[in-house]
PDB file of N, CA and C in Angstrom:
ATOM      1  N   UNK A   1      90.440 121.120  29.191  1.00  0.00           N
ATOM      2  CA  UNK A   1      90.642 122.424  29.761  1.00  0.00           C
ATOM      3  C   UNK A   1      91.451 122.312  31.057  1.00  0.00           C
ATOM      4  N   UNK A   2      92.047 123.407  31.412  1.00  0.00           N
ATOM      5  CA  UNK A   2      92.879 123.393  32.604  1.00  0.00           C
ATOM      6  C   UNK A   2      92.175 124.071  33.773  1.00  0.00           C
ATOM      7  N   UNK A   3      92.705 123.808  34.942  1.00  0.00           N
ATOM      8  CA  UNK A   3      92.166 124.452  36.143  1.00  0.00           C
ATOM      9  C   UNK A   3      92.334 125.966  36.064  1.00  0.00           C
ATOM     10  N   UNK A   4      93.445 126.417  35.491  1.00  0.00           N
ATOM     11  CA  UNK A   4      93.677 127.861  35.368  1.00  0.00           C
ATOM     12  C   UNK A   4      92.623 128.506  34.479  1.00  0.00           C
ATOM     13  N   UNK A   5      92.250 127.827  33.395  1.00  0.00           N
ATOM     14  CA  UNK A   5      91.213 128.354  32.507  1.00  0.00           C
ATOM     15  C   UNK A   5      89.898 128.508  33.273  1.00  0.00           C
ATOM     16  N   UNK A   6      89.521 127.467  33.996  1.00  0.00           N
ATOM     17  CA  UNK A   6      88.275 127.523  34.746  1.00  0.00           C
ATOM     18  C   UNK A   6      88.314 128.601  35.829  1.00  0.00           C
ATOM     19  N   UNK A   7      89.459 128.763  36.454  1.00  0.00           N
ATOM     20  CA  UNK A   7      89.591 129.821  37.464  1.00  0.00           C
ATOM     21  C   UNK A   7      89.411 131.187  36.828  1.00  0.00           C
ATOM     22  N   UNK A   8      90.010 131.382  35.663  1.00  0.00           N
ATOM     23  CA  UNK A   8      89.848 132.658  34.959  1.00  0.00           C
ATOM     24  C   UNK A   8      88.397 132.891  34.562  1.00  0.00           C
ATOM     25  N   UNK A   9      87.718 131.838  34.126  1.00  0.00           N
ATOM     26  CA  UNK A   9      86.309 131.971  33.753  1.00  0.00           C
ATOM     27  C   UNK A   9      85.474 132.347  34.964  1.00  0.00           C
ATOM     28  N   UNK A  10      85.765 131.738  36.123  1.00  0.00           N
ATOM     29  CA  UNK A  10      85.018 132.067  37.332  1.00  0.00           C
ATOM     30  C   UNK A  10      85.222 133.518  37.735  1.00  0.00           C
ATOM     31  N   UNK A  11      86.374 134.079  37.374  1.00  0.00           N
ATOM     32  CA  UNK A  11      86.661 135.484  37.684  1.00  0.00           C
ATOM     33  C   UNK A  11      86.085 136.435  36.638  1.00  0.00           C
ATOM     34  N   UNK A  12      85.437 135.879  35.615  1.00  0.00           N
ATOM     35  CA  UNK A  12      84.763 136.733  34.644  1.00  0.00           C
ATOM     36  C   UNK A  12      85.449 136.874  33.296  1.00  0.00           C
ATOM     37  N   UNK A  13      86.506 136.125  33.053  1.00  0.00           N
ATOM     38  CA  UNK A  13      87.169 136.194  31.755  1.00  0.00           C
ATOM     39  C   UNK A  13      86.257 135.662  30.658  1.00  0.00           C
ATOM     40  N   UNK A  14      86.468 136.163  29.459  1.00  0.00           N
ATOM     41  CA  UNK A  14      85.677 135.718  28.310  1.00  0.00           C
ATOM     42  C   UNK A  14      86.014 134.268  27.957  1.00  0.00           C
ATOM     43  N   UNK A  15      85.105 133.634  27.254  1.00  0.00           N
ATOM     44  CA  UNK A  15      85.315 132.266  26.793  1.00  0.00           C
ATOM     45  C   UNK A  15      86.433 132.265  25.759  1.00  0.00           C
ATOM     46  N   UNK A  16      87.350 131.324  25.888  1.00  0.00           N
ATOM     47  CA  UNK A  16      88.455 131.193  24.937  1.00  0.00           C
ATOM     48  C   UNK A  16      87.926 130.600  23.644  1.00  0.00           C
ATOM     49  N   UNK A  17      88.204 131.254  22.540  1.00  0.00           N
ATOM     50  CA  UNK A  17      87.801 130.759  21.230  1.00  0.00           C
ATOM     51  C   UNK A  17      89.047 130.651  20.377  1.00  0.00           C
ATOM     52  N   UNK A  18      89.557 129.448  20.226  1.00  0.00           N
ATOM     53  CA  UNK A  18      90.778 129.248  19.450  1.00  0.00           C
ATOM     54  C   UNK A  18      90.539 129.502  17.972  1.00  0.00           C
ATOM     55  N   UNK A  19      89.324 129.311  17.506  1.00  0.00           N
ATOM     56  CA  UNK A  19      89.019 129.516  16.104  1.00  0.00           C
ATOM     57  C   UNK A  19      89.851 128.607  15.215  1.00  0.00           C
ATOM     58  N   UNK A  20      89.915 128.938  13.983  1.00  0.00           N
ATOM     59  CA  UNK A  20      90.722 128.179  13.041  1.00  0.00           C
ATOM     60  C   UNK A  20      91.951 128.999  12.692  1.00  0.00           C
ATOM     61  N   UNK A  21      93.134 128.405  12.782  1.00  0.00           N
ATOM     62  CA  UNK A  21      94.334 129.161  12.424  1.00  0.00           C
ATOM     63  C   UNK A  21      94.351 129.446  10.932  1.00  0.00           C
ATOM     64  N   UNK A  22      95.048 130.500  10.572  1.00  0.00           N
ATOM     65  CA  UNK A  22      95.217 130.803   9.153  1.00  0.00           C
ATOM     66  C   UNK A  22      95.958 129.641   8.502  1.00  0.00           C
ATOM     67  N   UNK A  23      95.728 129.448   7.212  1.00  0.00           N
ATOM     68  CA  UNK A  23      96.469 128.379   6.534  1.00  0.00           C
ATOM     69  C   UNK A  23      97.968 128.607   6.664  1.00  0.00           C
ATOM     70  N   UNK A  24      98.682 127.528   6.820  1.00  0.00           N
ATOM     71  CA  UNK A  24     100.133 127.613   6.924  1.00  0.00           C
ATOM     72  C   UNK A  24     100.781 127.682   5.551  1.00  0.00           C
ATOM     73  N   UNK A  25     102.063 127.507   5.536  1.00  0.00           N
ATOM     74  CA  UNK A  25     102.829 127.562   4.303  1.00  0.00           C
ATOM     75  C   UNK A  25     103.111 126.161   3.779  1.00  0.00           C
ATOM     76  N   UNK A  26     103.250 126.062   2.477  1.00  0.00           N
ATOM     77  CA  UNK A  26     103.681 124.796   1.876  1.00  0.00           C
ATOM     78  C   UNK A  26     105.158 124.604   2.195  1.00  0.00           C
ATOM     79  N   UNK A  27     105.676 123.428   1.906  1.00  0.00           N
ATOM     80  CA  UNK A  27     107.095 123.164   2.151  1.00  0.00           C
ATOM     81  C   UNK A  27     108.004 124.129   1.396  1.00  0.00           C
ATOM     82  N   UNK A  28     107.676 124.396   0.132  1.00  0.00           N
ATOM     83  CA  UNK A  28     108.484 125.329  -0.657  1.00  0.00           C
ATOM     84  C   UNK A  28     108.387 126.749  -0.119  1.00  0.00           C
ATOM     85  N   UNK A  29     107.181 127.157   0.292  1.00  0.00           N
ATOM     86  CA  UNK A  29     107.019 128.491   0.880  1.00  0.00           C
ATOM     87  C   UNK A  29     107.803 128.600   2.182  1.00  0.00           C
ATOM     88  N   UNK A  30     107.790 127.529   2.973  1.00  0.00           N
ATOM     89  CA  UNK A  30     108.525 127.533   4.244  1.00  0.00           C
ATOM     90  C   UNK A  30     110.019 127.674   3.982  1.00  0.00           C
ATOM     91  N   UNK A  31     110.529 126.995   2.969  1.00  0.00           N
ATOM     92  CA  UNK A  31     111.941 127.137   2.627  1.00  0.00           C
ATOM     93  C   UNK A  31     112.262 128.564   2.212  1.00  0.00           C
ATOM     94  N   UNK A  32     111.383 129.182   1.438  1.00  0.00           N
ATOM     95  CA  UNK A  32     111.577 130.578   1.039  1.00  0.00           C
ATOM     96  C   UNK A  32     111.598 131.476   2.268  1.00  0.00           C
ATOM     97  N   UNK A  33     110.656 131.244   3.181  1.00  0.00           N
ATOM     98  CA  UNK A  33     110.609 132.023   4.418  1.00  0.00           C
ATOM     99  C   UNK A  33     111.902 131.838   5.214  1.00  0.00           C
ATOM    100  N   UNK A  34     112.352 130.597   5.339  1.00  0.00           N
ATOM    101  CA  UNK A  34     113.579 130.333   6.092  1.00  0.00           C
ATOM    102  C   UNK A  34     114.777 131.035   5.461  1.00  0.00           C
ATOM    103  N   UNK A  35     114.854 131.043   4.138  1.00  0.00           N
ATOM    104  CA  UNK A  35     115.959 131.740   3.462  1.00  0.00           C
ATOM    105  C   UNK A  35     115.904 133.239   3.740  1.00  0.00           C
ATOM    106  N   UNK A  36     114.703 133.807   3.687  1.00  0.00           N
ATOM    107  CA  UNK A  36     114.558 135.245   3.945  1.00  0.00           C
ATOM    108  C   UNK A  36     114.927 135.578   5.389  1.00  0.00           C
ATOM    109  N   UNK A  37     114.479 134.760   6.320  1.00  0.00           N
ATOM    110  CA  UNK A  37     114.803 134.991   7.725  1.00  0.00           C
ATOM    111  C   UNK A  37     116.303 134.856   7.966  1.00  0.00           C
ATOM    112  N   UNK A  38     116.910 133.864   7.330  1.00  0.00           N
ATOM    113  CA  UNK A  38     118.355 133.665   7.465  1.00  0.00           C
ATOM    114  C   UNK A  38     119.106 134.870   6.902  1.00  0.00           C
ATOM    115  N   UNK A  39     118.645 135.400   5.771  1.00  0.00           N
ATOM    116  CA  UNK A  39     119.279 136.580   5.169  1.00  0.00           C
ATOM    117  C   UNK A  39     119.138 137.800   6.068  1.00  0.00           C
ATOM    118  N   UNK A  40     118.113 137.804   6.921  1.00  0.00           N
ATOM    119  CA  UNK A  40     117.905 138.909   7.863  1.00  0.00           C
ATOM    120  C   UNK A  40     118.732 138.721   9.130  1.00  0.00           C
ATOM    121  N   UNK A  41     119.468 137.606   9.216  1.00  0.00           N
ATOM    122  CA  UNK A  41     120.341 137.378  10.359  1.00  0.00           C
ATOM    123  C   UNK A  41     119.807 136.434  11.414  1.00  0.00           C
ATOM    124  N   UNK A  42     118.666 135.816  11.173  1.00  0.00           N
ATOM    125  CA  UNK A  42     118.093 134.884  12.146  1.00  0.00           C
ATOM    126  C   UNK A  42     118.662 133.488  11.937  1.00  0.00           C
ATOM    127  N   UNK A  43     118.846 132.783  13.033  1.00  0.00           N
ATOM    128  CA  UNK A  43     119.310 131.401  12.980  1.00  0.00           C
ATOM    129  C   UNK A  43     118.086 130.500  12.940  1.00  0.00           C
ATOM    130  N   UNK A  44     117.754 130.024  11.756  1.00  0.00           N
ATOM    131  CA  UNK A  44     116.587 129.154  11.597  1.00  0.00           C
ATOM    132  C   UNK A  44     116.980 127.692  11.518  1.00  0.00           C
ATOM    133  N   UNK A  45     118.274 127.430  11.636  1.00  0.00           N
ATOM    134  CA  UNK A  45     118.739 126.055  11.493  1.00  0.00           C
ATOM    135  C   UNK A  45     118.833 125.697  10.031  1.00  0.00           C
ATOM    136  N   UNK A  46     118.601 124.434   9.732  1.00  0.00           N
ATOM    137  CA  UNK A  46     118.681 123.956   8.355  1.00  0.00           C
ATOM    138  C   UNK A  46     117.498 124.470   7.531  1.00  0.00           C
ATOM    139  N   UNK A  47     117.749 124.850   6.294  1.00  0.00           N
ATOM    140  CA  UNK A  47     116.684 125.246   5.379  1.00  0.00           C
ATOM    141  C   UNK A  47     116.051 123.948   4.866  1.00  0.00           C
ATOM    142  N   UNK A  48     114.978 123.535   5.543  1.00  0.00           N
ATOM    143  CA  UNK A  48     114.393 122.235   5.246  1.00  0.00           C
ATOM    144  C   UNK A  48     112.878 122.274   5.026  1.00  0.00           C
ATOM    145  N   UNK A  49     112.275 123.447   5.149  1.00  0.00           N
ATOM    146  CA  UNK A  49     110.839 123.556   4.944  1.00  0.00           C
ATOM    147  C   UNK A  49     110.008 123.092   6.121  1.00  0.00           C
ATOM    148  N   UNK A  50     110.659 122.862   7.258  1.00  0.00           N
ATOM    149  CA  UNK A  50     109.971 122.388   8.462  1.00  0.00           C
ATOM    150  C   UNK A  50     109.979 123.497   9.510  1.00  0.00           C
ATOM    151  N   UNK A  51     108.848 123.692  10.144  1.00  0.00           N
ATOM    152  CA  UNK A  51     108.725 124.728  11.173  1.00  0.00           C
ATOM    153  C   UNK A  51     109.292 124.211  12.489  1.00  0.00           C
ATOM    154  N   UNK A  52     110.590 124.408  12.663  1.00  0.00           N
ATOM    155  CA  UNK A  52     111.258 124.009  13.893  1.00  0.00           C
ATOM    156  C   UNK A  52     111.323 125.167  14.865  1.00  0.00           C
ATOM    157  N   UNK A  53     111.967 124.949  15.984  1.00  0.00           N
ATOM    158  CA  UNK A  53     112.010 125.968  17.038  1.00  0.00           C
ATOM    159  C   UNK A  53     112.746 127.229  16.590  1.00  0.00           C
ATOM    160  N   UNK A  54     113.824 127.082  15.828  1.00  0.00           N
ATOM    161  CA  UNK A  54     114.560 128.263  15.366  1.00  0.00           C
ATOM    162  C   UNK A  54     113.725 129.106  14.428  1.00  0.00           C
ATOM    163  N   UNK A  55     113.044 128.461  13.504  1.00  0.00           N
ATOM    164  CA  UNK A  55     112.182 129.191  12.564  1.00  0.00           C
ATOM    165  C   UNK A  55     111.023 129.829  13.306  1.00  0.00           C
ATOM    166  N   UNK A  56     110.430 129.094  14.228  1.00  0.00           N
ATOM    167  CA  UNK A  56     109.294 129.635  14.985  1.00  0.00           C
ATOM    168  C   UNK A  56     109.719 130.879  15.785  1.00  0.00           C
ATOM    169  N   UNK A  57     110.889 130.820  16.414  1.00  0.00           N
ATOM    170  CA  UNK A  57     111.371 131.971  17.186  1.00  0.00           C
ATOM    171  C   UNK A  57     111.608 133.168  16.250  1.00  0.00           C
ATOM    172  N   UNK A  58     112.223 132.924  15.104  1.00  0.00           N
ATOM    173  CA  UNK A  58     112.483 134.004  14.152  1.00  0.00           C
ATOM    174  C   UNK A  58     111.180 134.609  13.641  1.00  0.00           C
ATOM    175  N   UNK A  59     110.207 133.761  13.345  1.00  0.00           N
ATOM    176  CA  UNK A  59     108.913 134.243  12.874  1.00  0.00           C
ATOM    177  C   UNK A  59     108.278 135.152  13.920  1.00  0.00           C
ATOM    178  N   UNK A  60     108.328 134.739  15.171  1.00  0.00           N
ATOM    179  CA  UNK A  60     107.728 135.538  16.242  1.00  0.00           C
ATOM    180  C   UNK A  60     108.418 136.888  16.378  1.00  0.00           C
ATOM    181  N   UNK A  61     109.733 136.903  16.291  1.00  0.00           N
ATOM    182  CA  UNK A  61     110.472 138.166  16.388  1.00  0.00           C
ATOM    183  C   UNK A  61     110.134 139.097  15.222  1.00  0.00           C
ATOM    184  N   UNK A  62     110.059 138.552  14.026  1.00  0.00           N
ATOM    185  CA  UNK A  62     109.727 139.370  12.857  1.00  0.00           C
ATOM    186  C   UNK A  62     108.294 139.872  12.946  1.00  0.00           C
ATOM    187  N   UNK A  63     107.389 139.041  13.412  1.00  0.00           N
ATOM    188  CA  UNK A  63     106.008 139.480  13.590  1.00  0.00           C
ATOM    189  C   UNK A  63     105.938 140.676  14.539  1.00  0.00           C
ATOM    190  N   UNK A  64     106.687 140.628  15.617  1.00  0.00           N
ATOM    191  CA  UNK A  64     106.720 141.750  16.564  1.00  0.00           C
ATOM    192  C   UNK A  64     107.207 143.019  15.871  1.00  0.00           C
ATOM    193  N   UNK A  65     108.302 142.897  15.126  1.00  0.00           N
ATOM    194  CA  UNK A  65     108.880 144.059  14.437  1.00  0.00           C
ATOM    195  C   UNK A  65     107.922 144.649  13.414  1.00  0.00           C
ATOM    196  N   UNK A  66     107.103 143.802  12.802  1.00  0.00           N
ATOM    197  CA  UNK A  66     106.175 144.261  11.772  1.00  0.00           C
ATOM    198  C   UNK A  66     104.825 144.690  12.338  1.00  0.00           C
ATOM    199  N   UNK A  67     104.665 144.574  13.649  1.00  0.00           N
ATOM    200  CA  UNK A  67     103.403 144.959  14.274  1.00  0.00           C
ATOM    201  C   UNK A  67     102.282 143.968  14.023  1.00  0.00           C
ATOM    202  N   UNK A  68     102.652 142.734  13.743  1.00  0.00           N
ATOM    203  CA  UNK A  68     101.667 141.684  13.520  1.00  0.00           C
ATOM    204  C   UNK A  68     101.465 140.909  14.820  1.00  0.00           C
ATOM    205  N   UNK A  69     100.359 140.163  14.948  1.00  0.00           N
ATOM    206  CA  UNK A  69     100.218 139.315  16.126  1.00  0.00           C
ATOM    207  C   UNK A  69     101.396 138.337  16.197  1.00  0.00           C
ATOM    208  N   UNK A  70     102.085 138.324  17.310  1.00  0.00           N
ATOM    209  CA  UNK A  70     103.308 137.517  17.454  1.00  0.00           C
ATOM    210  C   UNK A  70     102.969 136.128  17.960  1.00  0.00           C
ATOM    211  N   UNK A  71     102.314 135.352  17.098  1.00  0.00           N
ATOM    212  CA  UNK A  71     101.897 134.005  17.476  1.00  0.00           C
ATOM    213  C   UNK A  71     102.838 132.920  16.962  1.00  0.00           C
ATOM    214  N   UNK A  72     103.898 133.320  16.271  1.00  0.00           N
ATOM    215  CA  UNK A  72     104.918 132.396  15.747  1.00  0.00           C
ATOM    216  C   UNK A  72     104.370 131.455  14.683  1.00  0.00           C
ATOM    217  N   UNK A  73     103.216 131.773  14.107  1.00  0.00           N
ATOM    218  CA  UNK A  73     102.633 130.945  13.057  1.00  0.00           C
ATOM    219  C   UNK A  73     102.901 131.615  11.715  1.00  0.00           C
ATOM    220  N   UNK A  74     103.740 130.998  10.874  1.00  0.00           N
ATOM    221  CA  UNK A  74     104.072 131.602   9.585  1.00  0.00           C
ATOM    222  C   UNK A  74     102.917 131.476   8.594  1.00  0.00           C
ATOM    223  N   UNK A  75     102.531 132.575   8.001  1.00  0.00           N
ATOM    224  CA  UNK A  75     101.429 132.606   7.052  1.00  0.00           C
ATOM    225  C   UNK A  75     101.881 133.204   5.733  1.00  0.00           C
ATOM    226  N   UNK A  76     101.085 133.024   4.690  1.00  0.00           N
ATOM    227  CA  UNK A  76     101.403 133.691   3.422  1.00  0.00           C
ATOM    228  C   UNK A  76     101.489 135.207   3.570  1.00  0.00           C
ATOM    229  N   UNK A  77     100.658 135.784   4.452  1.00  0.00           N
ATOM    230  CA  UNK A  77     100.715 137.240   4.651  1.00  0.00           C
ATOM    231  C   UNK A  77     102.069 137.673   5.190  1.00  0.00           C
ATOM    232  N   UNK A  78     102.622 136.912   6.116  1.00  0.00           N
ATOM    233  CA  UNK A  78     103.957 137.226   6.652  1.00  0.00           C
ATOM    234  C   UNK A  78     105.004 137.098   5.550  1.00  0.00           C
ATOM    235  N   UNK A  79     104.952 136.019   4.811  1.00  0.00           N
ATOM    236  CA  UNK A  79     105.913 135.801   3.738  1.00  0.00           C
ATOM    237  C   UNK A  79     105.851 136.945   2.733  1.00  0.00           C
ATOM    238  N   UNK A  80     104.661 137.409   2.409  1.00  0.00           N
ATOM    239  CA  UNK A  80     104.506 138.529   1.464  1.00  0.00           C
ATOM    240  C   UNK A  80     105.078 139.833   2.003  1.00  0.00           C
ATOM    241  N   UNK A  81     105.033 140.017   3.311  1.00  0.00           N
ATOM    242  CA  UNK A  81     105.574 141.248   3.910  1.00  0.00           C
ATOM    243  C   UNK A  81     107.080 141.261   3.949  1.00  0.00           C
ATOM    244  N   UNK A  82     107.696 140.088   3.842  1.00  0.00           N
ATOM    245  CA  UNK A  82     109.151 140.033   3.840  1.00  0.00           C
ATOM    246  C   UNK A  82     109.643 140.231   2.435  1.00  0.00           C
TER     247      UNK A  82
END
């Protein structure tokens, strides 16, 4: 934990619960997502099935536009909405 976290807790902030992230995408699903994002005009870099910085940034922007939590984590639910 960080000093900032402890300072926030001392000020009355709730306990941070990271929980378990939603399952991610398979390599093939990630490639499909990257192709869809690229077709929407986002620069995701190479279509390689790897969650790199370009894909993560595009995912976050699309999540914002769709009114989803903008955590930059690609999920099957996001892929289905595209």
